C-alpha atoms as a PDB file:
ATOM      1  CA  ASP A   1      34.109  12.884 -14.360  1.00  0.00           C
ATOM      2  CA  ARG A   2      31.377  12.985 -15.718  1.00  0.00           C
ATOM      3  CA  PRO A   3      28.958  16.399 -14.940  1.00  0.00           C
ATOM      4  CA  LEU A   4      25.983  15.922 -13.450  1.00  0.00           C
ATOM      5  CA  VAL A   5      24.197  18.279 -15.276  1.00  0.00           C
ATOM      6  CA  ASP A   6      23.911  16.988 -19.262  1.00  0.00           C
ATOM      7  CA  TRP A   7      23.874  20.488 -20.847  1.00  0.00           C
ATOM      8  CA  ASP A   8      23.092  18.497 -24.325  1.00  0.00           C
ATOM      9  CA  LEU A   9      19.952  16.741 -23.123  1.00  0.00           C
ATOM     10  CA  ILE A  10      19.172  19.943 -21.625  1.00  0.00           C
ATOM     11  CA  LEU A  11      19.909  21.466 -25.225  1.00  0.00           C
ATOM     12  CA  VAL A  12      17.612  19.235 -26.817  1.00  0.00           C
ATOM     13  CA  MET A  13      14.685  19.362 -24.163  1.00  0.00           C
ATOM     14  CA  GLU A  14      14.260  22.171 -22.953  1.00  0.00           C
ATOM     15  CA  PRO A  15      12.724  23.937 -25.881  1.00  0.00           C
ATOM     16  CA  LEU A  16      10.046  21.007 -26.449  1.00  0.00           C
ATOM     17  CA  THR A  17       9.384  21.067 -23.134  1.00  0.00           C
ATOM     18  CA  ILE A  18       8.751  25.029 -22.956  1.00  0.00           C
ATOM     19  CA  ALA A  19       6.146  24.457 -26.221  1.00  0.00           C
ATOM     20  CA  GLY A  20       4.850  21.907 -24.562  1.00  0.00           C
ATOM     21  CA  ALA A  21       3.893  23.984 -22.125  1.00  0.00           C
ATOM     22  CA  LEU A  22       2.784  27.040 -24.586  1.00  0.00           C
ATOM     23  CA  ILE A  23       0.409  24.198 -26.476  1.00  0.00           C
ATOM     24  CA  GLY A  24      -0.760  23.484 -23.088  1.00  0.00           C
ATOM     25  CA  ALA A  25      -1.795  26.439 -22.163  1.00  0.00           C
ATOM     26  CA  PHE A  26      -2.941  27.658 -25.182  1.00  0.00           C
ATOM     27  CA  LEU A  27      -5.471  24.349 -25.324  1.00  0.00           C
ATOM     28  CA  ASN A  28      -6.720  25.214 -21.597  1.00  0.00           C
ATOM     29  CA  LYS A  29      -7.908  28.563 -22.647  1.00  0.00           C
ATOM     30  CA  LEU A  30      -9.600  27.210 -26.122  1.00  0.00           C
ATOM     31  CA  LEU A  31     -10.984  24.036 -25.374  1.00  0.00           C
ATOM     32  CA  PRO A  32     -13.812  23.383 -22.851  1.00  0.00           C
ATOM     33  CA  GLU A  33     -13.404  21.977 -19.203  1.00  0.00           C
ATOM     34  CA  GLY A  34     -15.061  18.194 -20.037  1.00  0.00           C
ATOM     35  CA  LEU A  35     -13.191  17.876 -23.148  1.00  0.00           C
ATOM     36  CA  LEU A  36      -9.968  18.335 -21.491  1.00  0.00           C
ATOM     37  CA  VAL A  37     -10.698  15.950 -18.148  1.00  0.00           C
ATOM     38  CA  VAL A  38     -11.760  13.525 -20.552  1.00  0.00           C
ATOM     39  CA  MET A  39      -8.330  13.849 -22.740  1.00  0.00           C
ATOM     40  CA  LEU A  40      -6.232  13.813 -19.116  1.00  0.00           C
ATOM     41  CA  VAL A  41      -7.849  11.004 -18.200  1.00  0.00           C
ATOM     42  CA  LEU A  42      -7.116   9.303 -21.715  1.00  0.00           C
ATOM     43  CA  LEU A  43      -3.352  10.187 -21.097  1.00  0.00           C
ATOM     44  CA  LEU A  44      -3.179   8.979 -17.491  1.00  0.00           C
ATOM     45  CA  SER A  45      -5.065   5.299 -18.622  1.00  0.00           C
ATOM     46  CA  PHE A  46      -2.760   5.129 -21.488  1.00  0.00           C
ATOM     47  CA  THR A  47       0.444   5.841 -19.567  1.00  0.00           C
ATOM     48  CA  ALA A  48      -0.716   3.396 -16.363  1.00  0.00           C
ATOM     49  CA  TYR A  49      -1.100   0.578 -19.194  1.00  0.00           C
ATOM     50  CA  ASN A  50       1.788   0.993 -20.216  1.00  0.00           C
ATOM     51  CA  THR A  51       3.583   1.198 -16.759  1.00  0.00           C
ATOM     52  CA  LEU A  52       1.826  -1.983 -15.406  1.00  0.00           C
ATOM     53  CA  LYS A  53       2.831  -3.945 -18.619  1.00  0.00           C
ATOM     54  CA  LYS A  54       6.024  -3.173 -18.123  1.00  0.00           C
ATOM     55  CA  ALA A  55       5.960  -3.984 -14.471  1.00  0.00           C
ATOM     56  CA  PHE A  56       4.582  -7.505 -15.158  1.00  0.00           C
ATOM     57  CA  LYS A  57       6.967  -8.534 -17.821  1.00  0.00           C
ATOM     58  CA  MET A  58       9.836  -7.363 -14.823  1.00  0.00           C
ATOM     59  CA  TYR A  59       8.028  -9.456 -12.371  1.00  0.00           C
ATOM     60  CA  GLY A  60       8.372 -12.323 -14.449  1.00  0.00           C
ATOM     61  CA  VAL A  61      11.468 -11.937 -15.040  1.00  0.00           C
ATOM     62  CA  GLU A  62      12.727 -11.335 -12.002  1.00  0.00           C
ATOM     63  CA  SER A  63      10.643 -14.315 -10.611  1.00  0.00           C
ATOM     64  CA  ARG A  64      12.644 -16.704 -13.202  1.00  0.00           C
ATOM     65  CA  ALA A  65      15.715 -15.420 -11.965  1.00  0.00           C
ATOM     66  CA  MET A  66      14.824 -16.093  -8.191  1.00  0.00           C
ATOM     67  CA  ARG A  67      13.490 -19.757  -9.102  1.00  0.00           C
ATOM     68  CA  GLU A  68      16.820 -20.534 -11.096  1.00  0.00           C
ATOM     69  CA  LEU A  69      18.987 -19.016  -8.343  1.00  0.00           C
ATOM     70  CA  GLU A  70      16.600 -20.761  -5.433  1.00  0.00           C
ATOM     71  CA  SER A  71      17.510 -24.098  -7.365  1.00  0.00           C
ATOM     72  CA  GLU A  72      20.718 -23.884  -7.890  1.00  0.00           C
ATOM     73  CA  LEU A  73      21.307 -22.703  -3.953  1.00  0.00           C
ATOM     74  CA  THR A  74      18.982 -25.638  -3.363  1.00  0.00           C
ATOM     75  CA  LYS A  75      21.001 -27.939  -5.233  1.00  0.00           C
ATOM     76  CA  ILE A  76      24.379 -26.818  -3.220  1.00  0.00           C
ATOM     77  CA  VAL A  77      23.047 -27.471  -0.238  1.00  0.00           C
ATOM     78  CA  HIS A  78      21.816 -30.886  -0.803  1.00  0.00           C
ATOM     79  CA  LYS A  79      25.218 -31.938  -2.415  1.00  0.00           C
ATOM     80  CA  GLU A  80      26.696 -30.092   0.972  1.00  0.00           C
ATOM     81  CA  GLU A  81      24.166 -32.045   2.854  1.00  0.00           C
ATOM     82  CA  GLU A  82      25.085 -35.461   1.145  1.00  0.00           C
ATOM     83  CA  GLU A  83      28.867 -34.769   1.983  1.00  0.00           C
ATOM     84  CA  ASP A  84      28.449 -34.187   5.440  1.00  0.00           C
ATOM     85  CA  ASP A  85      26.078 -37.321   5.757  1.00  0.00           C
ATOM     86  CA  GLU A  86      28.874 -39.468   4.161  1.00  0.00           C
ATOM     87  CA  GLU A  87      31.883 -37.591   6.679  1.00  0.00           C
ATOM     88  CA  ALA A  88      29.430 -38.373   9.407  1.00  0.00           C
ATOM     89  CA  GLY A  89      29.214 -42.259   8.169  1.00  0.00           C
ATOM     90  CA  ASP A  90      33.329 -42.419   7.467  1.00  0.00           C
ATOM     91  CA  SER A  91      34.200 -40.721  11.023  1.00  0.00           C
ATOM     92  CA  LEU A  92      31.769 -43.318  12.963  1.00  0.00           C
ATOM     93  CA  LEU A  93      33.025 -46.250  10.575  1.00  0.00           C
ATOM     94  CA  ASP A  94      36.820 -44.966  11.661  1.00  0.00           C
ATOM     95  CA  ASN A  95      35.703 -44.943  15.583  1.00  0.00           C
ATOM     96  CA  GLN A  96      34.532 -48.417  15.505  1.00  0.00           C
END
């Protein structure tokens, strides 16, 4: 039922996108190339740092969940093995 394009979001984001492009073009003409490179490297470093920080946090959460799932599965497998061993023992006693 939901439309593919969120027009409300576009109405909010598009003016900001155009303003950012205009300011960026203006600064590109105004500032020296070396300063632009330094600013872009700083922006990329900041973005990469935040992305890695979030990735490590997600990895920790997912690893904990996997360990818990593995421990639950291990308990289930051991319980089934014990039940199978008991059934095998009972069937051996019945056969004698």
